[in-house]
Amino acid sequence: MRLVLAGGGTGGHLFPALAIADEVMSQDDSVEILFIGARGGIEAKVLKSYDYPFELIGVEAIKNKSGLSKIRAFVRATMATLKSMALLRRFKPDAILGSGGYVSGPVVMAGKILGIKTAILEQNLIPGATNRHLGRFVDRIYLAFEEAGKSLPKEKIRVTGTPIRRTLLNAYREQKAIEKANKPFTVFVFGGSQGATAINAAFIDAVEYLSDIWPNLRVIHQSGPEGYTMASEAYERKGLKVELKSFIEDMGSAYAEADLVVCRAGATTIAEITALGIPSILIPYPFAAADHQRINAAALEAKGAAVMISQDTLTGSQLAGTIRAFYEDVKKLEKVRESVVGLGRPGAAKAIVDDYLSI
């Protein structure tokens, strides 16, 4: 069997596809897998550390564009579809699964034109424009949230959750199994695979308000490549010891150390922290399509599984106060942890692969 996985641009679209690939190979290591991603995304960097072959195509968003920009985007989408058809004819896949991002559209549509079985993942409460369009043509639609199915064909839907990488789950479990005496309260700060300037700045400001408890804290901070120098210099000026990384490949081990995470509210991040049962302070990216990160975060907060802070009201003082509340109130931390555990779907990848292989 041959399988194409199409998606990327960000970790939120790439890592679920990797989770599917891992699950497929665990069931049948004779399956041939090809990744198709977008030029300029993180997939070229990340996939080099895996054994999966990959191809990159040029594509861009059409939504919210006008005039010549919209015409150019349509032309690039058409060219991307034609190139995808050429790649598919050469690879001859039995199935194609789109995990999101602009590249998913041309590849899945090319597969449909060629008569290949197709499926898509939708990780958010509100489906993106690409998936709303693709939903009319594909054979299966896998949702993280049942509410996302309102605008999609009901007969194609399976509510499975967002797939989590097997390597992440295994690393988390292995690290958790190591008993540590007198473990400090650990805060894991990250803004997604690319980092987040607003979160970096707010947290660096927040440390000024945490000076009295700082000796009892351990901080792991993934700044993103662009924010690394600024964060490093800021911590050095303040004379603070922080485990600062531009990018963390082994997220499972980092999650295992965390008592609390401060992060964005992308679908993959939400899936990971709920599957692992980690309390969080969610700071949604305010410019996400259809404001889906705020909706994701609000859904968790409403269930007592997280605290949400809007970026437009975010201050170092507010963030510090929220972190302090978790640090000082163990019962509050445990109550949120219990709520998070009830939402997780660590078996999502297997559920998707079992169903998709059946068709």
Protein backbone atom coordinates (compact mmCIF):
# COMPACT_ATOMS: atom_id res chain seq x y z
CA MET A 1 0.00 0.00 0.00
CA ARG A 2 1.09 3.59 -0.68
CA LEU A 3 -0.11 6.62 1.30
CA VAL A 4 0.33 10.36 0.71
CA LEU A 5 0.11 12.73 3.67
CA ALA A 6 -0.40 16.36 2.65
CA GLY A 7 -0.18 19.30 5.02
CA GLY A 8 2.16 21.58 6.84
CA GLY A 9 3.35 25.14 7.05
CA THR A 10 3.23 24.94 10.83
CA GLY A 11 3.66 22.21 13.42
CA GLY A 12 -0.09 22.26 13.99
CA HIS A 13 -0.62 20.76 10.54
CA LEU A 14 2.56 18.71 10.23
CA PHE A 15 2.67 16.87 13.56
CA PRO A 16 -0.79 15.25 13.25
CA ALA A 17 0.32 13.90 9.86
CA LEU A 18 3.45 12.47 11.47
CA ALA A 19 1.24 10.85 14.11
CA ILE A 20 -0.76 9.16 11.35
CA ALA A 21 2.42 8.01 9.64
CA ASP A 22 3.77 6.53 12.89
CA GLU A 23 0.51 4.66 13.52
CA VAL A 24 0.33 3.31 9.95
CA MET A 25 3.91 2.01 10.15
CA SER A 26 3.27 0.43 13.54
CA GLN A 27 0.46 -1.59 11.97
CA ASP A 28 2.18 -2.41 8.68
CA ASP A 29 5.80 -1.37 8.09
CA SER A 30 5.58 -2.32 4.41
CA VAL A 31 3.42 0.74 3.67
CA GLU A 32 5.18 3.37 1.56
CA ILE A 33 4.52 6.94 2.73
CA LEU A 34 5.18 10.21 0.91
CA PHE A 35 4.77 13.62 2.56
CA ILE A 36 3.84 16.61 0.42
CA GLY A 37 4.37 19.96 2.11
CA ALA A 38 4.62 23.66 1.35
CA ARG A 39 7.75 25.59 0.50
CA GLY A 40 8.65 27.89 3.36
CA GLY A 41 6.99 25.74 6.04
CA ILE A 42 8.75 23.89 8.84
CA GLU A 43 8.31 20.51 7.17
CA ALA A 44 11.62 20.65 5.24
CA LYS A 45 13.49 21.05 8.52
CA VAL A 46 11.47 18.61 10.64
CA LEU A 47 11.09 15.80 8.09
CA LYS A 48 14.86 15.58 7.59
CA SER A 49 15.06 13.87 10.99
CA TYR A 50 12.56 11.20 9.87
CA ASP A 51 12.91 8.47 7.26
CA TYR A 52 9.89 9.58 5.23
CA PRO A 53 10.49 10.98 1.73
CA PHE A 54 8.89 14.35 1.03
CA GLU A 55 8.16 16.80 -1.75
CA LEU A 56 7.54 20.54 -1.45
CA ILE A 57 5.25 22.63 -3.64
CA GLY A 58 4.57 26.36 -3.80
CA VAL A 59 1.11 27.51 -2.72
CA GLU A 60 -0.44 30.44 -0.84
CA ALA A 61 -3.75 31.54 0.69
CA ILE A 62 -6.56 32.80 -1.55
CA LYS A 63 -8.86 33.99 1.25
CA ASN A 64 -8.88 37.71 2.13
CA LYS A 65 -7.05 38.68 -1.07
CA SER A 66 -8.23 40.87 -3.88
CA GLY A 67 -7.15 42.19 -7.24
CA LEU A 68 -3.82 41.00 -8.61
CA SER A 69 -2.94 39.25 -5.33
CA LYS A 70 -6.03 37.06 -5.61
CA ILE A 71 -5.36 36.28 -9.26
CA ARG A 72 -1.78 35.32 -8.42
CA ALA A 73 -2.97 33.06 -5.59
CA PHE A 74 -5.45 31.32 -7.92
CA VAL A 75 -2.72 30.78 -10.52
CA ARG A 76 -0.38 29.32 -7.89
CA ALA A 77 -3.15 27.05 -6.58
CA THR A 78 -3.82 25.80 -10.12
CA MET A 79 -0.11 25.18 -10.71
CA ALA A 80 0.13 23.43 -7.33
CA THR A 81 -2.76 21.14 -8.28
CA LEU A 82 -1.12 20.27 -11.60
CA LYS A 83 2.20 19.58 -9.90
CA SER A 84 0.40 17.47 -7.30
CA MET A 85 -1.21 15.42 -10.07
CA ALA A 86 2.22 14.79 -11.57
CA LEU A 87 3.62 13.70 -8.18
CA LEU A 88 0.64 11.41 -7.56
CA ARG A 89 0.88 9.80 -11.00
CA ARG A 90 4.53 9.04 -10.29
CA PHE A 91 4.00 7.74 -6.72
CA LYS A 92 0.68 5.96 -7.46
CA PRO A 93 -0.84 6.15 -3.94
CA ASP A 94 -3.83 4.15 -2.77
CA ALA A 95 -4.90 6.89 -0.35
CA ILE A 96 -4.33 10.57 0.43
CA LEU A 97 -4.93 12.27 3.77
CA GLY A 98 -4.82 16.05 4.13
CA SER A 99 -3.86 17.31 7.59
CA GLY A 100 -4.41 21.02 6.92
CA GLY A 101 -2.55 24.06 5.65
CA TYR A 102 -2.72 25.61 2.19
CA VAL A 103 -0.89 22.69 0.56
CA SER A 104 -3.59 20.24 1.63
CA GLY A 105 -6.13 21.67 -0.84
CA PRO A 106 -4.28 21.16 -4.14
CA VAL A 107 -3.02 17.69 -3.20
CA VAL A 108 -6.38 16.37 -2.01
CA MET A 109 -8.18 17.84 -5.04
CA ALA A 110 -5.58 16.32 -7.36
CA GLY A 111 -6.21 12.96 -5.69
CA LYS A 112 -9.95 13.32 -6.14
CA ILE A 113 -9.50 14.09 -9.85
CA LEU A 114 -7.36 10.96 -10.20
CA GLY A 115 -9.91 8.76 -8.40
CA ILE A 116 -7.82 8.12 -5.26
CA LYS A 117 -9.44 7.61 -1.84
CA THR A 118 -9.13 10.88 0.12
CA ALA A 119 -9.64 12.06 3.67
CA ILE A 120 -9.03 15.21 5.70
CA LEU A 121 -8.37 16.08 9.34
CA GLU A 122 -10.09 19.06 10.98
CA GLN A 123 -8.55 19.85 14.36
CA ASN A 124 -10.50 23.01 15.26
CA LEU A 125 -13.99 23.74 16.51
CA ILE A 126 -14.63 25.82 13.38
CA PRO A 127 -13.45 24.24 10.09
CA GLY A 128 -11.12 26.30 7.95
CA ALA A 129 -12.08 27.46 4.45
CA THR A 130 -9.95 24.78 2.75
CA ASN A 131 -11.58 21.93 4.68
CA ARG A 132 -15.08 23.31 4.20
CA HIS A 133 -14.44 23.19 0.46
CA LEU A 134 -12.71 19.79 0.49
CA GLY A 135 -15.43 18.26 2.67
CA ARG A 136 -17.74 18.04 -0.34
CA PHE A 137 -15.32 15.82 -2.27
CA VAL A 138 -13.42 13.59 0.16
CA ASP A 139 -14.38 10.09 1.34
CA ARG A 140 -13.78 10.71 5.07
CA ILE A 141 -13.63 13.68 7.45
CA TYR A 142 -11.96 13.18 10.83
CA LEU A 143 -12.86 15.73 13.50
CA ALA A 144 -11.31 16.66 16.82
CA PHE A 145 -14.59 18.19 18.02
CA GLU A 146 -18.13 17.11 17.20
CA GLU A 147 -19.22 20.76 16.94
CA ALA A 148 -17.00 21.19 13.86
CA GLY A 149 -19.33 18.95 11.83
CA LYS A 150 -22.17 21.46 11.53
CA SER A 151 -21.00 22.73 8.12
CA LEU A 152 -19.70 19.40 6.77
CA PRO A 153 -21.40 16.33 5.20
CA LYS A 154 -22.61 14.24 8.15
CA GLU A 155 -22.27 10.84 6.48
CA LYS A 156 -18.52 11.29 5.99
CA ILE A 157 -17.70 12.41 9.55
CA ARG A 158 -15.90 10.45 12.23
CA VAL A 159 -15.17 12.21 15.55
CA THR A 160 -11.79 10.85 16.61
CA GLY A 161 -9.81 13.65 18.24
CA THR A 162 -6.52 15.02 16.92
CA PRO A 163 -3.77 12.43 16.38
CA ILE A 164 -0.77 12.69 18.72
CA ARG A 165 2.69 11.47 17.73
CA ARG A 166 3.56 8.07 19.18
CA THR A 167 7.11 9.31 19.85
CA LEU A 168 5.73 12.20 21.93
CA LEU A 169 3.46 9.91 23.96
CA ASN A 170 6.25 7.41 24.55
CA ALA A 171 8.79 10.08 25.55
CA TYR A 172 6.24 11.58 27.94
CA ARG A 173 5.52 8.22 29.59
CA GLU A 174 9.21 7.30 29.88
CA GLN A 175 10.11 10.65 31.46
CA LYS A 176 7.14 10.49 33.83
CA ALA A 177 8.23 7.05 35.01
CA ILE A 178 11.45 8.50 36.43
CA GLU A 179 10.81 9.43 40.06
CA LYS A 180 12.33 12.75 41.12
CA ALA A 181 12.59 13.87 44.73
CA ASN A 182 11.99 17.53 45.59
CA LYS A 183 11.01 18.37 42.02
CA PRO A 184 10.57 22.14 41.56
CA PHE A 185 7.33 23.59 40.22
CA THR A 186 8.01 23.58 36.47
CA VAL A 187 6.52 26.05 34.00
CA PHE A 188 6.87 25.22 30.30
CA VAL A 189 6.48 28.30 28.08
CA PHE A 190 6.13 28.04 24.30
CA GLY A 191 4.32 29.69 21.43
CA GLY A 192 4.07 26.80 18.99
CA SER A 193 6.77 25.52 16.65
CA GLN A 194 7.62 29.05 15.50
CA GLY A 195 7.48 30.74 18.90
CA ALA A 196 5.35 33.76 19.77
CA THR A 197 6.71 37.27 20.31
CA ALA A 198 3.83 38.35 22.56
CA ILE A 199 4.17 35.33 24.85
CA ASN A 200 7.96 35.72 25.03
CA ALA A 201 7.69 39.40 25.95
CA ALA A 202 4.90 38.90 28.49
CA PHE A 203 6.67 36.06 30.26
CA ILE A 204 9.98 37.91 30.44
CA ASP A 205 8.05 40.82 31.97
CA ALA A 206 6.20 38.43 34.31
CA VAL A 207 9.41 37.22 35.98
CA GLU A 208 9.74 40.63 37.66
CA TYR A 209 6.57 39.83 39.62
CA LEU A 210 7.71 36.30 40.53
CA SER A 211 11.03 37.17 42.16
CA ASP A 212 9.99 35.93 45.61
CA ILE A 213 9.13 32.42 44.34
CA TRP A 214 11.63 32.26 41.46
CA PRO A 215 14.14 30.11 43.43
CA ASN A 216 11.39 27.46 43.71
CA LEU A 217 10.55 27.50 39.99
CA ARG A 218 12.02 25.72 37.02
CA VAL A 219 11.33 27.33 33.64
CA ILE A 220 11.59 25.64 30.25
CA HIS A 221 11.11 28.23 27.51
CA GLN A 222 10.86 27.52 23.78
CA SER A 223 11.22 30.98 22.27
CA GLY A 224 11.13 30.13 18.57
CA PRO A 225 14.10 30.91 16.28
CA GLU A 226 13.26 34.60 15.87
CA GLY A 227 12.74 35.26 19.57
CA TYR A 228 15.76 33.39 20.88
CA THR A 229 18.33 36.21 20.89
CA MET A 230 15.97 38.70 22.53
CA ALA A 231 14.93 36.21 25.21
CA SER A 232 18.50 35.08 25.86
CA GLU A 233 19.75 38.64 26.30
CA ALA A 234 16.80 39.55 28.55
CA TYR A 235 17.34 36.60 30.88
CA GLU A 236 21.08 37.33 30.98
CA ARG A 237 20.46 40.96 31.95
CA LYS A 238 18.16 39.84 34.74
CA GLY A 239 20.65 37.21 35.91
CA LEU A 240 18.02 34.47 35.71
CA LYS A 241 18.61 30.79 35.00
CA VAL A 242 16.17 29.48 32.40
CA GLU A 243 16.26 26.42 30.14
CA LEU A 244 15.90 28.41 26.92
CA LYS A 245 15.60 26.68 23.53
CA SER A 246 14.81 28.07 20.09
CA PHE A 247 13.06 24.80 19.15
CA ILE A 248 12.35 21.61 21.12
CA GLU A 249 12.26 18.39 19.13
CA ASP A 250 11.52 16.17 22.16
CA MET A 251 8.26 17.79 23.25
CA GLY A 252 7.19 14.64 25.11
CA SER A 253 10.00 14.96 27.65
CA ALA A 254 9.39 18.69 28.05
CA TYR A 255 5.69 18.10 28.70
CA ALA A 256 6.56 15.38 31.23
CA GLU A 257 8.52 17.89 33.29
CA ALA A 258 5.76 20.52 33.25
CA ASP A 259 3.33 21.21 36.08
CA LEU A 260 1.90 24.09 34.05
CA VAL A 261 2.22 25.22 30.43
CA VAL A 262 1.87 28.74 29.04
CA CYS A 263 1.11 28.50 25.34
CA ARG A 264 -1.02 29.32 22.30
CA ALA A 265 -4.31 27.51 21.69
CA GLY A 266 -3.69 25.84 18.34
CA ALA A 267 -5.53 22.57 17.77
CA THR A 268 -2.46 20.34 18.01
CA THR A 269 -1.28 22.00 21.21
CA ILE A 270 -4.78 21.58 22.69
CA ALA A 271 -4.78 17.91 21.65
CA GLU A 272 -1.38 17.31 23.23
CA ILE A 273 -2.04 18.95 26.59
CA THR A 274 -5.46 17.29 26.92
CA ALA A 275 -4.10 13.86 25.96
CA LEU A 276 -1.34 14.27 28.55
CA GLY A 277 -3.50 15.93 31.21
CA ILE A 278 -1.46 19.13 31.73
CA PRO A 279 -3.01 22.34 33.17
CA SER A 280 -2.45 25.37 30.99
CA ILE A 281 -2.63 29.12 30.61
CA LEU A 282 -3.79 29.62 27.03
CA ILE A 283 -3.03 32.83 25.12
CA PRO A 284 -4.83 32.51 21.76
CA TYR A 285 -3.23 33.94 18.63
CA PRO A 286 -5.64 36.80 17.83
CA PHE A 287 -5.18 36.67 14.04
CA ALA A 288 -5.90 32.96 13.55
CA ALA A 289 -8.41 32.13 10.82
CA ALA A 290 -12.01 32.50 12.03
CA ASP A 291 -10.56 33.31 15.47
CA HIS A 292 -10.35 29.54 16.01
CA GLN A 293 -7.66 29.71 18.71
CA ARG A 294 -9.85 31.87 20.96
CA ILE A 295 -12.76 29.48 20.40
CA ASN A 296 -10.53 26.48 21.22
CA ALA A 297 -9.28 28.14 24.41
CA ALA A 298 -12.72 29.31 25.50
CA ALA A 299 -14.06 25.77 25.12
CA LEU A 300 -11.38 24.43 27.49
CA GLU A 301 -11.84 27.26 29.98
CA ALA A 302 -15.60 26.68 30.05
CA LYS A 303 -14.93 23.09 31.09
CA GLY A 304 -12.51 24.09 33.83
CA ALA A 305 -9.59 22.61 31.92
CA ALA A 306 -7.53 25.79 31.36
CA VAL A 307 -7.29 29.52 32.01
CA MET A 308 -7.48 31.82 28.98
CA ILE A 309 -5.84 35.24 28.72
CA SER A 310 -6.55 37.35 25.62
CA GLN A 311 -3.46 38.76 23.96
CA ASP A 312 -4.99 42.25 23.79
CA THR A 313 -5.18 42.37 27.60
CA LEU A 314 -2.02 40.38 28.30
CA THR A 315 0.47 41.93 30.71
CA GLY A 316 3.40 40.56 32.64
CA SER A 317 1.65 41.32 35.91
CA GLN A 318 -1.51 39.44 34.87
CA LEU A 319 0.44 36.44 33.61
CA ALA A 320 2.55 36.34 36.78
CA GLY A 321 -0.58 36.46 38.94
CA THR A 322 -2.12 33.54 37.07
CA ILE A 323 1.06 31.47 37.36
CA ARG A 324 1.30 32.33 41.07
CA ALA A 325 -2.31 31.22 41.65
CA PHE A 326 -1.49 27.74 40.30
CA TYR A 327 1.80 27.59 42.22
CA GLU A 328 0.21 28.51 45.56
CA ASP A 329 -3.02 26.50 45.26
CA VAL A 330 -2.31 22.80 44.77
CA LYS A 331 -6.00 21.95 44.93
CA LYS A 332 -6.74 24.34 42.07
CA LEU A 333 -3.95 22.79 40.00
CA GLU A 334 -5.26 19.27 40.61
CA LYS A 335 -8.85 20.26 39.86
CA VAL A 336 -7.83 21.67 36.48
CA ARG A 337 -5.67 18.59 35.81
CA GLU A 338 -8.65 16.32 36.44
CA SER A 339 -10.77 18.34 34.02
CA VAL A 340 -8.05 18.19 31.35
CA VAL A 341 -7.65 14.43 31.61
CA GLY A 342 -11.34 13.95 30.89
CA LEU A 343 -11.00 15.71 27.52
CA GLY A 344 -7.97 13.88 26.11
CA ARG A 345 -8.04 11.40 23.20
CA PRO A 346 -4.62 9.73 23.13
CA GLY A 347 -5.97 6.97 20.87
CA ALA A 348 -7.00 9.32 18.04
CA ALA A 349 -4.29 8.24 15.58
CA LYS A 350 -5.24 4.56 15.87
CA ALA A 351 -8.95 5.34 15.48
CA ILE A 352 -8.27 7.30 12.29
CA VAL A 353 -5.92 4.74 10.76
CA ASP A 354 -8.22 1.79 11.57
CA ASP A 355 -11.18 3.52 9.95
CA TYR A 356 -9.32 4.88 6.93
CA LEU A 357 -7.67 1.55 6.12
CA SER A 358 -11.10 -0.08 6.23
CA ILE A 359 -12.20 1.92 3.17
